[in-house]
Protein backbone atom coordinates (compact mmCIF):
# COMPACT_ATOMS: atom_id res chain seq x y z
CA MET A 1 0.02 -0.03 -0.04
CA GLN A 2 1.59 3.23 -1.06
CA ILE A 3 0.82 6.69 0.35
CA ARG A 4 0.61 9.53 -2.07
CA THR A 5 -0.72 13.03 -2.06
CA ILE A 6 -4.44 13.72 -2.36
CA LEU A 7 -4.17 16.61 -4.92
CA SER A 8 -4.82 14.68 -7.83
CA PHE A 9 -8.14 13.40 -6.82
CA PHE A 10 -9.82 16.47 -5.50
CA ALA A 11 -8.38 18.66 -8.15
CA ALA A 12 -10.07 16.53 -10.76
CA ILE A 13 -13.35 17.06 -9.26
CA PHE A 14 -13.51 20.40 -10.54
CA PHE A 15 -12.33 19.46 -14.02
CA PHE A 16 -15.35 16.94 -14.08
CA ALA A 17 -17.64 19.78 -13.27
CA ALA A 18 -16.64 21.42 -16.47
CA CYS A 19 -16.99 18.08 -18.49
CA ASN A 20 -20.59 17.09 -18.44
CA THR A 21 -20.55 15.15 -21.55
CA GLN A 22 -22.64 12.05 -21.10
CA LYS A 23 -21.69 8.56 -22.41
CA ALA A 24 -23.90 7.00 -24.82
CA VAL A 25 -26.30 4.29 -23.55
CA VAL A 26 -24.63 0.73 -23.97
CA ALA A 27 -25.80 -0.66 -27.40
CA GLU A 28 -25.66 -4.18 -28.55
CA PRO A 29 -21.96 -5.11 -29.40
CA VAL A 30 -20.78 -6.00 -32.84
CA LYS A 31 -19.96 -9.75 -32.85
CA GLU A 32 -16.76 -9.51 -34.80
CA MET A 33 -14.02 -6.90 -35.55
CA PRO A 34 -13.71 -5.45 -38.96
CA ALA A 35 -10.87 -7.11 -40.84
CA LYS A 36 -7.49 -5.78 -41.76
CA MET A 37 -7.51 -2.57 -39.49
CA ASP A 38 -4.15 -0.89 -39.01
CA ASP A 39 -2.89 -0.01 -35.59
CA ALA A 40 -4.12 3.63 -35.86
CA ALA A 41 -7.62 2.56 -36.66
CA LEU A 42 -7.57 -0.13 -34.04
CA MET A 43 -6.26 2.43 -31.37
CA LYS A 44 -9.23 4.68 -32.41
CA LEU A 45 -11.65 1.82 -32.07
CA ALA A 46 -10.10 0.80 -28.77
CA ASP A 47 -10.71 4.44 -27.37
CA GLU A 48 -14.24 4.52 -28.76
CA LEU A 49 -15.18 1.18 -27.00
CA ALA A 50 -13.63 2.34 -23.78
CA HIS A 51 -16.14 5.15 -23.78
CA LYS A 52 -19.03 3.09 -25.42
CA TYR A 53 -19.09 0.53 -22.79
CA ILE A 54 -19.08 0.71 -18.90
CA ILE A 55 -15.54 -0.09 -17.37
CA THR A 56 -15.57 -1.50 -13.97
CA ASP A 57 -12.31 -1.87 -12.05
CA GLY A 58 -12.43 -4.38 -9.07
CA HIS A 59 -9.87 -2.59 -7.01
CA VAL A 60 -8.67 1.08 -6.62
CA ASP A 61 -7.04 1.85 -3.35
CA LEU A 62 -7.84 5.62 -3.40
CA PRO A 63 -9.64 5.82 0.03
CA TYR A 64 -6.75 4.72 2.07
CA ARG A 65 -4.36 7.03 0.10
CA LEU A 66 -6.80 10.00 1.00
CA LYS A 67 -7.19 8.89 4.64
CA ILE A 68 -3.50 8.76 5.29
CA THR A 69 -3.04 12.15 3.75
CA ASN A 70 -5.93 13.70 6.00
CA PHE A 71 -8.25 14.33 3.24
CA ARG A 72 -10.97 16.94 4.11
CA LEU A 73 -13.88 18.26 2.14
CA GLU A 74 -13.18 22.01 2.87
CA LYS A 75 -13.02 25.13 0.92
CA GLU A 76 -9.24 25.58 0.71
CA PHE A 77 -9.16 22.74 -1.74
CA LEU A 78 -11.01 24.86 -4.38
CA GLY A 79 -7.59 26.50 -5.59
CA ILE A 80 -5.95 23.26 -6.44
CA PRO A 81 -4.85 22.93 -10.25
CA LEU A 82 -7.00 21.03 -12.55
CA LYS A 83 -4.13 18.69 -13.65
CA THR A 84 -1.55 16.70 -11.64
CA ASP A 85 0.69 13.78 -12.09
CA LYS A 86 0.28 12.58 -8.47
CA GLY A 87 -1.39 9.17 -7.88
CA ASP A 88 -2.88 6.77 -10.23
CA PHE A 89 -6.56 7.98 -10.07
CA ASP A 90 -8.34 11.27 -10.51
CA LEU A 91 -11.43 12.24 -12.52
CA GLU A 92 -9.73 13.83 -15.45
CA ARG A 93 -7.74 10.77 -16.01
CA ALA A 94 -10.69 8.46 -15.33
CA LYS A 95 -12.72 10.36 -17.98
CA LYS A 96 -9.92 10.06 -20.52
CA GLY A 97 -9.57 6.25 -19.85
CA GLY A 98 -13.22 5.50 -19.83
CA LEU A 99 -13.55 4.34 -16.31
CA ASP A 100 -17.08 4.49 -14.98
CA ALA A 101 -17.23 2.14 -11.83
CA PRO A 102 -14.02 1.90 -9.87
CA PHE A 103 -14.59 -0.29 -6.72
CA MET A 104 -13.26 1.90 -3.85
CA SER A 105 -11.09 -0.37 -1.66
CA ILE A 106 -12.03 0.09 2.09
CA TYR A 107 -8.47 -1.27 2.97
CA ILE A 108 -7.83 -2.31 6.67
CA PRO A 109 -4.33 -2.93 7.39
CA ALA A 110 -3.55 -6.24 9.34
CA SER A 111 -2.18 -4.18 12.18
CA TYR A 112 -5.76 -3.50 13.20
CA GLN A 113 -6.27 -7.13 13.98
CA GLU A 114 -3.73 -6.76 16.77
CA THR A 115 -4.48 -3.23 18.05
CA GLY A 116 -8.19 -3.21 17.52
CA GLY A 117 -10.25 -0.38 15.88
CA ALA A 118 -10.82 -2.37 12.48
CA LYS A 119 -14.50 -1.54 12.36
CA ILE A 120 -14.07 2.07 13.37
CA PHE A 121 -11.32 2.55 10.78
CA ALA A 122 -13.45 0.96 7.99
CA ASP A 123 -16.37 3.26 9.00
CA SER A 124 -14.08 6.31 8.61
CA LEU A 125 -13.12 5.29 5.12
CA ILE A 126 -16.78 4.54 4.10
CA ASP A 127 -17.86 7.97 5.55
CA MET A 128 -15.11 9.72 3.47
CA VAL A 129 -16.15 8.13 0.28
CA ALA A 130 -19.76 8.91 1.09
CA GLY A 131 -18.83 12.49 1.88
CA ILE A 132 -17.42 12.93 -1.47
CA ALA A 133 -20.47 11.67 -3.21
CA ASP A 134 -22.77 13.74 -0.90
CA ALA A 135 -20.82 16.91 -1.66
CA HIS A 136 -20.80 16.39 -5.44
CA PRO A 137 -23.96 14.43 -6.22
CA ASP A 138 -23.80 15.52 -9.91
CA LYS A 139 -20.41 14.06 -10.25
CA PHE A 140 -20.23 10.98 -7.96
CA ALA A 141 -22.67 8.40 -6.50
CA ILE A 142 -22.14 5.67 -3.84
CA THR A 143 -23.34 2.69 -5.97
CA THR A 144 -24.68 -0.64 -4.68
CA SER A 145 -25.95 -2.56 -7.56
CA PRO A 146 -25.25 -2.98 -11.42
CA ALA A 147 -28.54 -1.18 -12.22
CA GLN A 148 -27.33 1.89 -10.28
CA VAL A 149 -23.98 1.76 -12.33
CA GLN A 150 -26.10 1.57 -15.51
CA ALA A 151 -28.19 4.61 -14.50
CA ASN A 152 -25.21 6.70 -13.50
CA PHE A 153 -23.48 5.86 -16.75
CA GLU A 154 -26.16 7.20 -18.64
CA LYS A 155 -26.12 10.39 -16.72
CA GLY A 156 -22.32 10.85 -16.88
CA ILE A 157 -21.93 10.31 -13.12
CA LEU A 158 -18.96 8.34 -11.66
CA SER A 159 -20.20 5.38 -9.69
CA LEU A 160 -18.31 4.64 -6.42
CA PRO A 161 -19.03 1.00 -5.55
CA MET A 162 -17.19 -0.19 -2.40
CA GLY A 163 -15.34 -3.41 -1.40
CA MET A 164 -13.70 -4.11 1.83
CA GLU A 165 -10.24 -5.41 1.61
CA ASN A 166 -9.81 -7.47 4.72
CA GLY A 167 -12.74 -8.99 6.72
CA ALA A 168 -11.19 -7.84 10.03
CA PRO A 169 -13.82 -5.03 10.63
CA ILE A 170 -16.37 -8.03 11.00
CA GLU A 171 -14.51 -8.53 14.09
CA ASP A 172 -16.02 -11.54 16.12
CA ASP A 173 -19.68 -10.48 15.48
CA ILE A 174 -21.51 -11.99 12.58
CA LYS A 175 -24.01 -9.29 12.70
CA ASN A 176 -21.34 -6.86 11.30
CA VAL A 177 -21.61 -8.73 7.83
CA GLU A 178 -25.19 -7.16 7.43
CA TYR A 179 -24.00 -3.90 8.95
CA PHE A 180 -21.40 -3.41 6.33
CA HIS A 181 -23.87 -4.42 3.54
CA LYS A 182 -26.28 -1.64 4.82
CA ARG A 183 -23.15 0.85 4.71
CA GLY A 184 -22.78 -0.02 1.05
CA ILE A 185 -20.02 -2.69 1.04
CA ARG A 186 -20.62 -5.05 -1.91
CA TYR A 187 -17.66 -7.27 -1.68
CA ILE A 188 -15.33 -8.44 1.19
CA THR A 189 -11.89 -9.78 0.63
CA LEU A 190 -11.77 -12.20 3.50
CA THR A 191 -8.39 -11.42 4.72
CA HIS A 192 -5.21 -9.46 3.76
CA SER A 193 -1.63 -9.93 4.67
CA LYS A 194 -2.15 -12.01 7.92
CA ASP A 195 -4.47 -14.66 9.07
CA ASN A 196 -7.44 -13.19 10.67
CA LEU A 197 -10.49 -14.53 12.49
CA ILE A 198 -12.03 -15.65 9.15
CA CYS A 199 -9.41 -17.58 7.28
CA ASP A 200 -5.66 -17.82 6.40
CA SER A 201 -3.70 -15.49 4.24
CA SER A 202 -1.81 -16.39 1.20
CA TYR A 203 1.09 -14.07 2.60
CA ASP A 204 1.23 -15.63 6.12
CA THR A 205 2.98 -18.91 6.81
CA THR A 206 1.18 -19.59 10.21
CA ARG A 207 -1.70 -21.47 8.65
CA THR A 208 -3.76 -20.69 11.77
CA TRP A 209 -7.04 -22.34 10.51
CA ASN A 210 -5.72 -24.49 7.63
CA GLY A 211 -8.16 -22.39 5.44
CA LEU A 212 -11.37 -21.12 6.99
CA SER A 213 -12.15 -20.88 10.62
CA ASP A 214 -15.53 -22.17 11.90
CA PHE A 215 -16.41 -18.50 12.28
CA GLY A 216 -15.19 -17.84 8.71
CA ARG A 217 -17.67 -20.54 7.41
CA ASP A 218 -20.50 -18.65 9.09
CA VAL A 219 -19.10 -15.39 7.51
CA VAL A 220 -19.17 -16.83 3.98
CA LYS A 221 -22.76 -18.03 4.56
CA GLU A 222 -23.90 -14.77 5.86
CA MET A 223 -22.37 -12.85 2.89
CA ASN A 224 -24.28 -15.24 0.68
CA ARG A 225 -27.39 -14.33 2.65
CA VAL A 226 -27.28 -10.58 2.68
CA GLY A 227 -25.76 -10.09 -0.76
CA ILE A 228 -22.02 -9.34 -0.42
CA MET A 229 -19.70 -10.89 -3.02
CA VAL A 230 -17.06 -13.15 -1.53
CA ASP A 231 -13.62 -12.07 -2.67
CA ILE A 232 -10.92 -14.79 -2.59
CA SER A 233 -7.90 -12.50 -3.56
CA HIS A 234 -5.28 -12.72 -0.59
CA VAL A 235 -6.51 -15.96 0.89
CA SER A 236 -4.48 -19.05 1.05
CA ASP A 237 -5.14 -22.00 -1.40
CA SER A 238 -6.75 -24.12 1.22
CA THR A 239 -9.12 -21.21 1.96
CA PHE A 240 -10.01 -20.79 -1.64
CA TYR A 241 -10.91 -24.55 -2.10
CA GLN A 242 -13.01 -24.59 1.01
CA VAL A 243 -14.94 -21.42 -0.11
CA MET A 244 -15.52 -22.96 -3.38
CA ARG A 245 -16.99 -26.04 -1.89
CA MET A 246 -19.44 -24.11 0.43
CA THR A 247 -20.60 -20.94 -1.47
CA ASP A 248 -24.06 -20.85 -2.88
CA VAL A 249 -23.17 -18.08 -5.39
CA PRO A 250 -20.27 -17.09 -7.76
CA CYS A 251 -17.26 -15.50 -6.23
CA ILE A 252 -14.77 -12.97 -7.36
CA ALA A 253 -10.95 -12.55 -7.14
CA SER A 254 -11.13 -8.78 -7.26
CA HIS A 255 -7.40 -8.13 -7.87
CA SER A 256 -5.40 -11.27 -8.61
CA SER A 257 -3.49 -12.69 -11.70
CA CYS A 258 -2.16 -16.04 -12.89
CA ARG A 259 0.36 -18.00 -11.11
CA ILE A 260 1.52 -19.74 -14.29
CA PHE A 261 3.50 -16.41 -14.89
CA THR A 262 4.79 -16.08 -11.27
CA PRO A 263 5.67 -19.56 -10.10
CA GLY A 264 5.64 -19.93 -6.18
CA PHE A 265 3.55 -16.65 -5.75
CA GLU A 266 0.53 -18.01 -3.93
CA ARG A 267 -1.01 -14.45 -3.90
CA ASN A 268 -1.81 -15.32 -7.60
CA MET A 269 -4.14 -18.10 -8.61
CA ASN A 270 -3.03 -21.32 -10.29
CA ASN A 271 -4.82 -22.67 -13.38
CA ASP A 272 -6.66 -25.34 -11.44
CA MET A 273 -8.05 -22.59 -9.34
CA ILE A 274 -8.91 -20.39 -12.16
CA LYS A 275 -10.83 -23.43 -13.80
CA LEU A 276 -12.65 -24.14 -10.60
CA LEU A 277 -13.57 -20.47 -10.21
CA GLY A 278 -15.08 -20.47 -13.77
CA GLU A 279 -17.01 -23.54 -12.91
CA ASN A 280 -18.35 -21.56 -9.95
CA ASN A 281 -19.44 -19.04 -12.59
CA GLY A 282 -17.10 -16.45 -10.91
CA VAL A 283 -14.69 -13.95 -12.32
CA ILE A 284 -10.82 -13.31 -11.75
CA GLN A 285 -9.93 -9.66 -12.31
CA ILE A 286 -6.52 -9.24 -13.26
CA ASN A 287 -4.10 -7.23 -11.13
CA PHE A 288 -1.71 -4.74 -13.08
CA GLY A 289 1.25 -4.79 -10.59
CA SER A 290 4.35 -5.90 -12.34
CA THR A 291 5.28 -8.33 -9.64
CA PHE A 292 1.89 -9.97 -10.17
CA LEU A 293 2.39 -10.14 -13.94
CA ASP A 294 6.01 -11.61 -14.23
CA GLY A 295 7.97 -13.68 -11.88
CA ASP A 296 11.24 -12.67 -13.42
CA ILE A 297 10.60 -9.05 -12.99
CA ALA A 298 9.63 -9.65 -9.47
CA LYS A 299 13.15 -11.06 -8.88
CA GLN A 300 14.98 -8.36 -10.81
CA ARG A 301 12.92 -5.73 -8.86
CA ASN A 302 14.28 -7.06 -5.68
CA GLY A 303 17.77 -6.89 -6.82
CA LEU A 304 17.33 -3.40 -8.29
CA ARG A 305 15.61 -2.06 -5.17
CA SER A 306 18.72 -3.03 -3.17
CA LYS A 307 20.89 -1.12 -5.63
CA MET A 308 18.59 1.96 -5.49
CA SER A 309 18.58 1.84 -1.66
CA LYS A 310 22.21 1.71 -1.62
CA ILE A 311 22.60 4.77 -4.01
CA LEU A 312 20.14 6.79 -1.76
CA GLU A 313 21.81 5.70 1.33
CA GLU A 314 25.17 6.94 0.03
CA LYS A 315 23.65 10.33 -0.60
CA GLY A 316 21.96 10.45 2.73
CA LEU A 317 18.57 10.23 1.28
CA SER A 318 15.31 8.02 1.83
CA TYR A 319 12.76 7.17 -0.65
CA ARG A 320 10.36 9.72 0.67
CA ASP A 321 12.82 12.72 0.47
CA GLU A 322 11.85 15.16 -2.14
CA ALA A 323 15.67 15.25 -3.35
CA ALA A 324 15.45 11.57 -3.96
CA LYS A 325 12.58 11.82 -6.60
CA PRO A 326 14.77 12.77 -9.67
CA ILE A 327 17.30 10.13 -8.64
CA ILE A 328 14.71 7.52 -8.50
CA GLU A 329 13.12 8.67 -11.85
CA GLN A 330 16.40 8.45 -13.55
CA PHE A 331 17.19 5.15 -12.14
CA GLN A 332 13.78 3.72 -13.30
CA LYS A 333 14.48 5.15 -16.90
CA ASP A 334 18.01 3.36 -16.77
CA ASN A 335 16.36 0.18 -15.63
CA PRO A 336 13.17 -0.64 -17.63
CA ALA A 337 13.28 -4.14 -16.25
CA LEU A 338 11.63 -2.81 -13.17
CA PHE A 339 8.35 -2.80 -15.09
CA SER A 340 6.08 -5.28 -16.99
CA ASP A 341 3.91 -4.03 -19.92
CA VAL A 342 0.44 -4.01 -21.13
CA GLN A 343 1.02 -6.95 -23.34
CA LYS A 344 1.76 -9.11 -20.30
CA VAL A 345 -1.56 -8.04 -18.82
CA ALA A 346 -3.19 -9.26 -22.05
CA ASP A 347 -1.25 -12.61 -21.55
CA HIS A 348 -2.84 -13.10 -18.25
CA ILE A 349 -6.25 -12.39 -19.82
CA ASP A 350 -5.56 -14.88 -22.63
CA ASN A 351 -4.53 -17.54 -20.07
CA VAL A 352 -7.83 -17.03 -18.18
CA VAL A 353 -9.85 -17.49 -21.34
CA LYS A 354 -7.87 -20.57 -22.31
CA VAL A 355 -8.39 -22.13 -18.94
CA ALA A 356 -11.84 -21.00 -17.89
CA GLY A 357 -13.48 -19.16 -20.77
CA ILE A 358 -14.14 -15.46 -21.81
CA ASN A 359 -17.02 -15.21 -19.22
CA HIS A 360 -14.52 -15.58 -16.21
CA VAL A 361 -12.05 -12.58 -16.61
CA GLY A 362 -12.19 -8.94 -15.72
CA LEU A 363 -10.09 -5.97 -14.62
CA GLY A 364 -8.79 -5.40 -11.02
CA SER A 365 -5.77 -2.97 -11.51
CA ASP A 366 -4.95 -2.36 -7.88
CA TYR A 367 -4.26 1.34 -8.84
CA ASP A 368 -3.03 3.40 -6.02
CA GLY A 369 -2.20 0.16 -4.17
CA VAL A 370 0.67 -1.45 -5.85
CA GLY A 371 3.01 1.58 -5.80
CA ASP A 372 5.49 2.38 -8.46
CA SER A 373 5.19 -1.09 -10.20
CA LEU A 374 2.65 -0.62 -12.80
CA PRO A 375 3.29 -1.89 -16.24
CA THR A 376 4.28 0.26 -19.19
CA GLY A 377 1.16 1.27 -21.00
CA LEU A 378 -1.15 1.03 -18.00
CA LYS A 379 0.51 3.51 -15.56
CA ASP A 380 -2.90 5.14 -14.57
CA VAL A 381 -6.65 5.10 -15.07
CA SER A 382 -6.36 7.08 -18.36
CA GLN A 383 -4.84 4.07 -20.17
CA TYR A 384 -7.36 1.34 -20.30
CA PRO A 385 -7.81 2.01 -24.03
CA ASN A 386 -4.06 0.63 -24.38
CA LEU A 387 -5.20 -2.65 -23.02
CA ILE A 388 -8.36 -2.76 -25.21
CA PHE A 389 -6.10 -1.94 -28.34
CA GLU A 390 -3.93 -4.99 -27.39
CA LEU A 391 -6.94 -7.19 -27.03
CA LEU A 392 -8.28 -6.10 -30.37
CA LYS A 393 -4.98 -6.87 -31.89
CA ARG A 394 -5.24 -10.40 -30.66
CA GLY A 395 -8.64 -10.89 -32.20
CA TYR A 396 -10.96 -10.28 -29.32
CA SER A 397 -14.42 -9.31 -30.51
CA GLU A 398 -16.38 -6.26 -29.29
CA GLU A 399 -18.59 -8.59 -27.34
CA ASP A 400 -15.38 -9.97 -25.62
CA ILE A 401 -14.33 -6.46 -24.75
CA ALA A 402 -17.68 -5.72 -23.18
CA LYS A 403 -17.62 -8.87 -21.09
CA ILE A 404 -14.04 -8.08 -19.85
CA CYS A 405 -14.96 -4.56 -19.12
CA TYR A 406 -18.15 -5.09 -17.17
CA LYS A 407 -20.55 -7.86 -18.22
CA ASN A 408 -18.75 -10.66 -16.34
CA VAL A 409 -18.63 -8.70 -13.13
CA PHE A 410 -22.12 -7.62 -13.35
CA ARG A 411 -23.19 -11.16 -13.95
CA VAL A 412 -21.68 -12.28 -10.57
CA TRP A 413 -22.91 -9.19 -8.85
CA ASN A 414 -26.50 -9.69 -10.07
CA ALA A 415 -26.45 -13.28 -9.22
CA VAL A 416 -25.30 -12.47 -5.61
CA GLU A 417 -28.03 -9.83 -5.37
CA GLN A 418 -30.70 -12.35 -6.71
CA ALA A 419 -29.60 -15.08 -4.31
CA ALA A 420 -29.97 -12.59 -1.39
CA GLU A 421 -33.38 -11.60 -2.48
């Protein structure tokens, strides 16, 4: 989780006020792409599709970034410039990239499991996102269903659905599942970097429960009952398989990628898991972080990080020092191996389609969450058309693009809602 300045987000609010152009209502997609289009024509088409169809992203870590930087809805922010290069997300760039429904991640660090206060912290993040929507109802809307996303899309309003990253705020009270549903949470990532009261984490070697705890099984059942999607990103393999055996509705992996490209990285999903998730009628939403995309790059980044740290140490600087920024930027330019690329993201999509089918893949960038590890061509929310362009080059149809951008996630979301009703 990276902490960056809030300026980009709030500045772009005022840009959006001047840009009230509405997107067209979703039309029936063409089944096949026109033959023999050159790159320029395909890029133009990619940009058109990014704005023709809803784009939903399963995981954007904006709320935590704003919280840490003491975000406040006050008048002094009115003078902020319209454009900024800080952070991965703001309204101007979201508009450029065609993003319509970024799931705001209500991220709860594992430390709250030890110190307490997880529920209070979650409420504070939800309050902040709700405050932004309440202050600017013509620009933002807290969104709790696909139908609401569609309605907002037609009005030119940015939807802000919310997912809770880490089930720790449920604490030891099953009633909190329904509480957070009422607060607008529409998926819960069962855990994060450490085992919690619900289940084991892929990052933790303790294996407290060897999967789900008894309480965790009750939590999954209750999420099915009230209509919250179960997110199996971050969980251990044993947790995943246990969830698949007991859930009554499809599940999501809100921001995970394919382990076949990152051997040994349990945070990603292996092909057997992806196939089973597909059989569950669920969706894996591909994470854009370079270390999630390429195991070789992950190894190279570790070595280069040590080299960069040594350079800064010799100069008496830390990563957060202002004087370190130009040194870091130059180092990154001199070492392109630090980053994957948009083609690799498409490779992960290809793999899911091969293993589980086109109906089971989506986008879960982890913007504002994976730090400075985003791939070339997908550095922020303005660049979704670059991915669509790459998919078009590989022969994906317009219908395929629509499924990846939103239809697959909407199918799961609607199924969870209908089962709850």
